[in-house]
């Protein structure tokens, strides 16, 4: 499981949607997470906090959403492994 920005879908205010990518046995699944971020706050896998003098970028909310998504995907893989 990895997270990437969909740079081809930049909005007018500069927000870029985040998608997860799942790769397993030669199959790749991509799905939007439902959160967007400015590229300067993206560190490759999570959202960085903003500087104190800037407006809030809701990094904690977005990172929690990414963590929950990752846990759900891992639960699905665990279920498939357990049930062959």
PDB file of N, CA and C in Angstrom:
ATOM      1  N   UNK A   1       0.856  -1.183   0.000  1.00  0.00           N
ATOM      2  CA  UNK A   1       0.000   0.000   0.000  1.00  0.00           C
ATOM      3  C   UNK A   1       0.890   1.229   0.000  1.00  0.00           C
ATOM      4  N   UNK A   2       0.592   2.138  -0.910  1.00  0.00           N
ATOM      5  CA  UNK A   2       1.313   3.413  -0.920  1.00  0.00           C
ATOM      6  C   UNK A   2       0.333   4.520  -1.272  1.00  0.00           C
ATOM      7  N   UNK A   3       0.710   5.737  -0.941  1.00  0.00           N
ATOM      8  CA  UNK A   3      -0.114   6.896  -1.222  1.00  0.00           C
ATOM      9  C   UNK A   3       0.634   7.817  -2.168  1.00  0.00           C
ATOM     10  N   UNK A   4      -0.097   8.411  -3.128  1.00  0.00           N
ATOM     11  CA  UNK A   4       0.486   9.333  -4.095  1.00  0.00           C
ATOM     12  C   UNK A   4      -0.470  10.487  -4.330  1.00  0.00           C
ATOM     13  N   UNK A   5       0.079  11.568  -4.846  1.00  0.00           N
ATOM     14  CA  UNK A   5      -0.745  12.695  -5.256  1.00  0.00           C
ATOM     15  C   UNK A   5      -1.132  12.514  -6.720  1.00  0.00           C
ATOM     16  N   UNK A   6      -2.349  12.871  -7.052  1.00  0.00           N
ATOM     17  CA  UNK A   6      -2.815  12.821  -8.442  1.00  0.00           C
ATOM     18  C   UNK A   6      -2.600  14.195  -9.056  1.00  0.00           C
ATOM     19  N   UNK A   7      -1.375  14.445  -9.495  1.00  0.00           N
ATOM     20  CA  UNK A   7      -0.987  15.770  -9.965  1.00  0.00           C
ATOM     21  C   UNK A   7      -1.726  16.212 -11.223  1.00  0.00           C
ATOM     22  N   UNK A   8      -2.316  15.280 -11.951  1.00  0.00           N
ATOM     23  CA  UNK A   8      -3.076  15.665 -13.132  1.00  0.00           C
ATOM     24  C   UNK A   8      -4.446  16.240 -12.775  1.00  0.00           C
ATOM     25  N   UNK A   9      -4.827  16.179 -11.501  1.00  0.00           N
ATOM     26  CA  UNK A   9      -6.140  16.638 -11.045  1.00  0.00           C
ATOM     27  C   UNK A   9      -6.048  17.843 -10.111  1.00  0.00           C
ATOM     28  N   UNK A  10      -5.071  18.734 -10.310  1.00  0.00           N
ATOM     29  CA  UNK A  10      -4.908  19.902  -9.438  1.00  0.00           C
ATOM     30  C   UNK A  10      -6.124  20.815  -9.578  1.00  0.00           C
ATOM     31  N   UNK A  11      -6.654  21.270  -8.447  1.00  0.00           N
ATOM     32  CA  UNK A  11      -7.791  22.188  -8.464  1.00  0.00           C
ATOM     33  C   UNK A  11      -7.304  23.620  -8.677  1.00  0.00           C
ATOM     34  N   UNK A  12      -8.229  24.524  -8.841  1.00  0.00           N
ATOM     35  CA  UNK A  12      -7.894  25.928  -9.094  1.00  0.00           C
ATOM     36  C   UNK A  12      -7.141  26.559  -7.929  1.00  0.00           C
ATOM     37  N   UNK A  13      -7.381  26.092  -6.707  1.00  0.00           N
ATOM     38  CA  UNK A  13      -6.693  26.649  -5.540  1.00  0.00           C
ATOM     39  C   UNK A  13      -5.432  25.869  -5.171  1.00  0.00           C
ATOM     40  N   UNK A  14      -4.994  24.960  -6.040  1.00  0.00           N
ATOM     41  CA  UNK A  14      -3.726  24.262  -5.849  1.00  0.00           C
ATOM     42  C   UNK A  14      -3.790  22.962  -5.070  1.00  0.00           C
ATOM     43  N   UNK A  15      -4.986  22.547  -4.636  1.00  0.00           N
ATOM     44  CA  UNK A  15      -5.113  21.298  -3.890  1.00  0.00           C
ATOM     45  C   UNK A  15      -5.039  20.107  -4.836  1.00  0.00           C
ATOM     46  N   UNK A  16      -4.323  19.068  -4.397  1.00  0.00           N
ATOM     47  CA  UNK A  16      -4.135  17.870  -5.203  1.00  0.00           C
ATOM     48  C   UNK A  16      -4.724  16.688  -4.432  1.00  0.00           C
ATOM     49  N   UNK A  17      -5.601  15.898  -5.080  1.00  0.00           N
ATOM     50  CA  UNK A  17      -6.187  14.738  -4.395  1.00  0.00           C
ATOM     51  C   UNK A  17      -5.131  13.668  -4.091  1.00  0.00           C
ATOM     52  N   UNK A  18      -5.347  12.954  -2.997  1.00  0.00           N
ATOM     53  CA  UNK A  18      -4.468  11.862  -2.591  1.00  0.00           C
ATOM     54  C   UNK A  18      -5.147  10.552  -2.989  1.00  0.00           C
ATOM     55  N   UNK A  19      -4.371   9.622  -3.553  1.00  0.00           N
ATOM     56  CA  UNK A  19      -4.895   8.304  -3.891  1.00  0.00           C
ATOM     57  C   UNK A  19      -4.026   7.235  -3.254  1.00  0.00           C
ATOM     58  N   UNK A  20      -4.635   6.083  -2.974  1.00  0.00           N
ATOM     59  CA  UNK A  20      -3.820   4.963  -2.523  1.00  0.00           C
ATOM     60  C   UNK A  20      -3.644   4.008  -3.685  1.00  0.00           C
ATOM     61  N   UNK A  21      -2.527   3.301  -3.657  1.00  0.00           N
ATOM     62  CA  UNK A  21      -2.219   2.307  -4.678  1.00  0.00           C
ATOM     63  C   UNK A  21      -1.895   1.005  -3.965  1.00  0.00           C
ATOM     64  N   UNK A  22      -2.615  -0.039  -4.332  1.00  0.00           N
ATOM     65  CA  UNK A  22      -2.391  -1.368  -3.772  1.00  0.00           C
ATOM     66  C   UNK A  22      -1.851  -2.238  -4.902  1.00  0.00           C
ATOM     67  N   UNK A  23      -0.736  -2.878  -4.643  1.00  0.00           N
ATOM     68  CA  UNK A  23      -0.137  -3.796  -5.620  1.00  0.00           C
ATOM     69  C   UNK A  23      -0.060  -5.186  -4.991  1.00  0.00           C
ATOM     70  N   UNK A  24      -0.591  -6.162  -5.735  1.00  0.00           N
ATOM     71  CA  UNK A  24      -0.533  -7.544  -5.249  1.00  0.00           C
ATOM     72  C   UNK A  24      -0.612  -8.476  -6.443  1.00  0.00           C
ATOM     73  N   UNK A  25       0.370  -9.356  -6.559  1.00  0.00           N
ATOM     74  CA  UNK A  25       0.399 -10.390  -7.582  1.00  0.00           C
ATOM     75  C   UNK A  25       0.165  -9.823  -8.983  1.00  0.00           C
ATOM     76  N   UNK A  26       0.839  -8.745  -9.309  1.00  0.00           N
ATOM     77  CA  UNK A  26       0.748  -8.172 -10.639  1.00  0.00           C
ATOM     78  C   UNK A  26      -0.480  -7.318 -10.891  1.00  0.00           C
ATOM     79  N   UNK A  27      -1.314  -7.126  -9.895  1.00  0.00           N
ATOM     80  CA  UNK A  27      -2.517  -6.310 -10.031  1.00  0.00           C
ATOM     81  C   UNK A  27      -2.303  -5.005  -9.280  1.00  0.00           C
ATOM     82  N   UNK A  28      -2.715  -3.900  -9.903  1.00  0.00           N
ATOM     83  CA  UNK A  28      -2.579  -2.589  -9.266  1.00  0.00           C
ATOM     84  C   UNK A  28      -3.959  -1.956  -9.182  1.00  0.00           C
ATOM     85  N   UNK A  29      -4.331  -1.533  -7.985  1.00  0.00           N
ATOM     86  CA  UNK A  29      -5.620  -0.881  -7.750  1.00  0.00           C
ATOM     87  C   UNK A  29      -5.343   0.523  -7.254  1.00  0.00           C
ATOM     88  N   UNK A  30      -5.994   1.505  -7.876  1.00  0.00           N
ATOM     89  CA  UNK A  30      -5.857   2.908  -7.464  1.00  0.00           C
ATOM     90  C   UNK A  30      -7.229   3.434  -7.071  1.00  0.00           C
ATOM     91  N   UNK A  31      -7.263   4.208  -5.995  1.00  0.00           N
ATOM     92  CA  UNK A  31      -8.534   4.764  -5.520  1.00  0.00           C
ATOM     93  C   UNK A  31      -8.254   6.051  -4.773  1.00  0.00           C
ATOM     94  N   UNK A  32      -9.069   7.059  -5.010  1.00  0.00           N
ATOM     95  CA  UNK A  32      -8.933   8.312  -4.273  1.00  0.00           C
ATOM     96  C   UNK A  32      -9.331   8.108  -2.815  1.00  0.00           C
ATOM     97  N   UNK A  33      -8.613   8.776  -1.932  1.00  0.00           N
ATOM     98  CA  UNK A  33      -8.870   8.672  -0.501  1.00  0.00           C
ATOM     99  C   UNK A  33      -9.994   9.607  -0.084  1.00  0.00           C
ATOM    100  N   UNK A  34     -10.157  10.715  -0.792  1.00  0.00           N
ATOM    101  CA  UNK A  34     -11.184  11.692  -0.443  1.00  0.00           C
ATOM    102  C   UNK A  34     -10.611  12.887   0.282  1.00  0.00           C
ATOM    103  N   UNK A  35      -9.303  13.055   0.222  1.00  0.00           N
ATOM    104  CA  UNK A  35      -8.641  14.197   0.844  1.00  0.00           C
ATOM    105  C   UNK A  35      -7.699  14.823  -0.168  1.00  0.00           C
ATOM    106  N   UNK A  36      -7.501  16.130  -0.048  1.00  0.00           N
ATOM    107  CA  UNK A  36      -6.600  16.855  -0.941  1.00  0.00           C
ATOM    108  C   UNK A  36      -5.636  17.685  -0.113  1.00  0.00           C
ATOM    109  N   UNK A  37      -4.465  17.975  -0.702  1.00  0.00           N
ATOM    110  CA  UNK A  37      -3.428  18.708   0.017  1.00  0.00           C
ATOM    111  C   UNK A  37      -2.611  19.522  -0.986  1.00  0.00           C
ATOM    112  N   UNK A  38      -1.997  20.582  -0.497  1.00  0.00           N
ATOM    113  CA  UNK A  38      -1.053  21.319  -1.323  1.00  0.00           C
ATOM    114  C   UNK A  38       0.228  20.507  -1.441  1.00  0.00           C
ATOM    115  N   UNK A  39       0.863  20.574  -2.600  1.00  0.00           N
ATOM    116  CA  UNK A  39       2.046  19.751  -2.837  1.00  0.00           C
ATOM    117  C   UNK A  39       3.179  20.055  -1.862  1.00  0.00           C
ATOM    118  N   UNK A  40       3.300  21.295  -1.414  1.00  0.00           N
ATOM    119  CA  UNK A  40       4.403  21.655  -0.520  1.00  0.00           C
ATOM    120  C   UNK A  40       4.289  20.978   0.845  1.00  0.00           C
ATOM    121  N   UNK A  41       3.096  20.493   1.208  1.00  0.00           N
ATOM    122  CA  UNK A  41       2.916  19.819   2.495  1.00  0.00           C
ATOM    123  C   UNK A  41       3.051  18.298   2.393  1.00  0.00           C
ATOM    124  N   UNK A  42       3.206  17.751   1.208  1.00  0.00           N
ATOM    125  CA  UNK A  42       3.266  16.306   1.009  1.00  0.00           C
ATOM    126  C   UNK A  42       4.698  15.833   1.169  1.00  0.00           C
ATOM    127  N   UNK A  43       4.934  14.798   1.993  1.00  0.00           N
ATOM    128  CA  UNK A  43       6.291  14.286   2.193  1.00  0.00           C
ATOM    129  C   UNK A  43       6.523  12.939   1.520  1.00  0.00           C
ATOM    130  N   UNK A  44       5.597  12.497   0.692  1.00  0.00           N
ATOM    131  CA  UNK A  44       5.753  11.236  -0.016  1.00  0.00           C
ATOM    132  C   UNK A  44       4.840  10.148   0.485  1.00  0.00           C
ATOM    133  N   UNK A  45       4.420  10.232   1.740  1.00  0.00           N
ATOM    134  CA  UNK A  45       3.493   9.237   2.264  1.00  0.00           C
ATOM    135  C   UNK A  45       2.468   9.829   3.239  1.00  0.00           C
ATOM    136  N   UNK A  46       2.779  10.962   3.802  1.00  0.00           N
ATOM    137  CA  UNK A  46       1.880  11.640   4.741  1.00  0.00           C
ATOM    138  C   UNK A  46       1.970  13.152   4.543  1.00  0.00           C
ATOM    139  N   UNK A  47       1.099  13.882   5.271  1.00  0.00           N
ATOM    140  CA  UNK A  47       1.056  15.338   5.168  1.00  0.00           C
ATOM    141  C   UNK A  47       1.870  15.940   6.303  1.00  0.00           C
ATOM    142  N   UNK A  48       2.730  16.899   5.962  1.00  0.00           N
ATOM    143  CA  UNK A  48       3.557  17.578   6.959  1.00  0.00           C
ATOM    144  C   UNK A  48       2.755  18.708   7.601  1.00  0.00           C
ATOM    145  N   UNK A  49       3.039  19.032   8.855  1.00  0.00           N
ATOM    146  CA  UNK A  49       2.388  20.189   9.482  1.00  0.00           C
ATOM    147  C   UNK A  49       2.853  21.477   8.803  1.00  0.00           C
ATOM    148  N   UNK A  50       1.981  22.472   8.830  1.00  0.00           N
ATOM    149  CA  UNK A  50       2.331  23.745   8.236  1.00  0.00           C
ATOM    150  C   UNK A  50       3.121  24.604   9.218  1.00  0.00           C
ATOM    151  N   UNK A  51       3.734  25.664   8.694  1.00  0.00           N
ATOM    152  CA  UNK A  51       4.443  26.606   9.554  1.00  0.00           C
ATOM    153  C   UNK A  51       3.425  27.342  10.417  1.00  0.00           C
ATOM    154  N   UNK A  52       3.843  27.821  11.561  1.00  0.00           N
ATOM    155  CA  UNK A  52       2.918  28.449  12.503  1.00  0.00           C
ATOM    156  C   UNK A  52       2.283  29.714  11.949  1.00  0.00           C
ATOM    157  N   UNK A  53       2.955  30.384  11.050  1.00  0.00           N
ATOM    158  CA  UNK A  53       2.419  31.642  10.525  1.00  0.00           C
ATOM    159  C   UNK A  53       1.458  31.428   9.345  1.00  0.00           C
ATOM    160  N   UNK A  54       1.300  30.190   8.890  1.00  0.00           N
ATOM    161  CA  UNK A  54       0.396  29.888   7.781  1.00  0.00           C
ATOM    162  C   UNK A  54      -0.944  29.395   8.319  1.00  0.00           C
ATOM    163  N   UNK A  55      -1.947  29.407   7.443  1.00  0.00           N
ATOM    164  CA  UNK A  55      -3.243  28.882   7.848  1.00  0.00           C
ATOM    165  C   UNK A  55      -3.151  27.361   7.995  1.00  0.00           C
ATOM    166  N   UNK A  56      -4.048  26.800   8.758  1.00  0.00           N
ATOM    167  CA  UNK A  56      -4.017  25.366   9.056  1.00  0.00           C
ATOM    168  C   UNK A  56      -4.243  24.536   7.795  1.00  0.00           C
ATOM    169  N   UNK A  57      -3.500  23.446   7.657  1.00  0.00           N
ATOM    170  CA  UNK A  57      -3.677  22.542   6.518  1.00  0.00           C
ATOM    171  C   UNK A  57      -4.354  21.233   6.932  1.00  0.00           C
ATOM    172  N   UNK A  58      -4.873  21.165   8.164  1.00  0.00           N
ATOM    173  CA  UNK A  58      -5.596  19.983   8.663  1.00  0.00           C
ATOM    174  C   UNK A  58      -4.797  18.699   8.512  1.00  0.00           C
ATOM    175  N   UNK A  59      -3.494  18.765   8.722  1.00  0.00           N
ATOM    176  CA  UNK A  59      -2.639  17.601   8.511  1.00  0.00           C
ATOM    177  C   UNK A  59      -3.006  16.433   9.417  1.00  0.00           C
ATOM    178  N   UNK A  60      -3.434  16.705  10.646  1.00  0.00           N
ATOM    179  CA  UNK A  60      -3.782  15.600  11.556  1.00  0.00           C
ATOM    180  C   UNK A  60      -5.010  14.848  11.059  1.00  0.00           C
ATOM    181  N   UNK A  61      -6.021  15.582  10.593  1.00  0.00           N
ATOM    182  CA  UNK A  61      -7.234  14.964  10.066  1.00  0.00           C
ATOM    183  C   UNK A  61      -6.913  14.118   8.833  1.00  0.00           C
ATOM    184  N   UNK A  62      -6.129  14.668   7.916  1.00  0.00           N
ATOM    185  CA  UNK A  62      -5.786  13.954   6.682  1.00  0.00           C
ATOM    186  C   UNK A  62      -4.929  12.732   6.988  1.00  0.00           C
ATOM    187  N   UNK A  63      -3.935  12.867   7.868  1.00  0.00           N
ATOM    188  CA  UNK A  63      -3.079  11.728   8.214  1.00  0.00           C
ATOM    189  C   UNK A  63      -3.870  10.632   8.918  1.00  0.00           C
ATOM    190  N   UNK A  64      -4.841  11.012   9.757  1.00  0.00           N
ATOM    191  CA  UNK A  64      -5.705  10.006  10.389  1.00  0.00           C
ATOM    192  C   UNK A  64      -6.515   9.259   9.338  1.00  0.00           C
ATOM    193  N   UNK A  65      -7.009   9.991   8.343  1.00  0.00           N
ATOM    194  CA  UNK A  65      -7.776   9.372   7.268  1.00  0.00           C
ATOM    195  C   UNK A  65      -6.902   8.396   6.473  1.00  0.00           C
ATOM    196  N   UNK A  66      -5.659   8.786   6.208  1.00  0.00           N
ATOM    197  CA  UNK A  66      -4.732   7.900   5.499  1.00  0.00           C
ATOM    198  C   UNK A  66      -4.414   6.659   6.327  1.00  0.00           C
ATOM    199  N   UNK A  67      -4.219   6.845   7.628  1.00  0.00           N
ATOM    200  CA  UNK A  67      -3.928   5.717   8.519  1.00  0.00           C
ATOM    201  C   UNK A  67      -5.101   4.747   8.570  1.00  0.00           C
ATOM    202  N   UNK A  68      -6.325   5.267   8.667  1.00  0.00           N
ATOM    203  CA  UNK A  68      -7.510   4.406   8.691  1.00  0.00           C
ATOM    204  C   UNK A  68      -7.659   3.639   7.388  1.00  0.00           C
ATOM    205  N   UNK A  69      -7.402   4.298   6.273  1.00  0.00           N
ATOM    206  CA  UNK A  69      -7.465   3.634   4.968  1.00  0.00           C
ATOM    207  C   UNK A  69      -6.449   2.508   4.891  1.00  0.00           C
ATOM    208  N   UNK A  70      -5.236   2.772   5.347  1.00  0.00           N
ATOM    209  CA  UNK A  70      -4.185   1.759   5.326  1.00  0.00           C
ATOM    210  C   UNK A  70      -4.549   0.560   6.208  1.00  0.00           C
ATOM    211  N   UNK A  71      -5.130   0.822   7.369  1.00  0.00           N
ATOM    212  CA  UNK A  71      -5.536  -0.265   8.264  1.00  0.00           C
ATOM    213  C   UNK A  71      -6.644  -1.117   7.644  1.00  0.00           C
ATOM    214  N   UNK A  72      -7.607  -0.478   6.979  1.00  0.00           N
ATOM    215  CA  UNK A  72      -8.686  -1.222   6.324  1.00  0.00           C
ATOM    216  C   UNK A  72      -8.135  -2.132   5.228  1.00  0.00           C
ATOM    217  N   UNK A  73      -7.214  -1.606   4.433  1.00  0.00           N
ATOM    218  CA  UNK A  73      -6.615  -2.410   3.366  1.00  0.00           C
ATOM    219  C   UNK A  73      -5.845  -3.587   3.943  1.00  0.00           C
ATOM    220  N   UNK A  74      -5.084  -3.357   5.019  1.00  0.00           N
ATOM    221  CA  UNK A  74      -4.336  -4.440   5.660  1.00  0.00           C
ATOM    222  C   UNK A  74      -5.275  -5.489   6.242  1.00  0.00           C
ATOM    223  N   UNK A  75      -6.419  -5.057   6.795  1.00  0.00           N
ATOM    224  CA  UNK A  75      -7.411  -6.008   7.308  1.00  0.00           C
ATOM    225  C   UNK A  75      -7.968  -6.884   6.185  1.00  0.00           C
ATOM    226  N   UNK A  76      -8.205  -6.286   5.033  1.00  0.00           N
ATOM    227  CA  UNK A  76      -8.709  -7.051   3.889  1.00  0.00           C
ATOM    228  C   UNK A  76      -7.678  -8.081   3.451  1.00  0.00           C
ATOM    229  N   UNK A  77      -6.409  -7.677   3.352  1.00  0.00           N
ATOM    230  CA  UNK A  77      -5.358  -8.625   2.981  1.00  0.00           C
ATOM    231  C   UNK A  77      -5.228  -9.738   4.012  1.00  0.00           C
ATOM    232  N   UNK A  78      -5.336  -9.400   5.293  1.00  0.00           N
ATOM    233  CA  UNK A  78      -5.264 -10.417   6.339  1.00  0.00           C
ATOM    234  C   UNK A  78      -6.414 -11.414   6.198  1.00  0.00           C
ATOM    235  N   UNK A  79      -7.613 -10.899   5.904  1.00  0.00           N
ATOM    236  CA  UNK A  79      -8.766 -11.771   5.712  1.00  0.00           C
ATOM    237  C   UNK A  79      -8.541 -12.729   4.549  1.00  0.00           C
ATOM    238  N   UNK A  80      -8.021 -12.209   3.427  1.00  0.00           N
ATOM    239  CA  UNK A  80      -7.766 -13.073   2.270  1.00  0.00           C
ATOM    240  C   UNK A  80      -6.685 -14.126   2.575  1.00  0.00           C
ATOM    241  N   UNK A  81      -5.648 -13.729   3.307  1.00  0.00           N
ATOM    242  CA  UNK A  81      -4.598 -14.697   3.660  1.00  0.00           C
ATOM    243  C   UNK A  81      -5.146 -15.766   4.598  1.00  0.00           C
ATOM    244  N   UNK A  82      -5.980 -15.357   5.535  1.00  0.00           N
ATOM    245  CA  UNK A  82      -6.520 -16.300   6.506  1.00  0.00           C
ATOM    246  C   UNK A  82      -7.494 -17.279   5.862  1.00  0.00           C
ATOM    247  N   UNK A  83      -8.195 -16.846   4.829  1.00  0.00           N
ATOM    248  CA  UNK A  83      -9.202 -17.701   4.186  1.00  0.00           C
ATOM    249  C   UNK A  83      -8.732 -18.269   2.843  1.00  0.00           C
ATOM    250  N   UNK A  84      -7.459 -18.088   2.555  1.00  0.00           N
ATOM    251  CA  UNK A  84      -6.850 -18.608   1.323  1.00  0.00           C
ATOM    252  C   UNK A  84      -7.641 -18.232   0.099  1.00  0.00           C
TER     253      UNK A  84
END
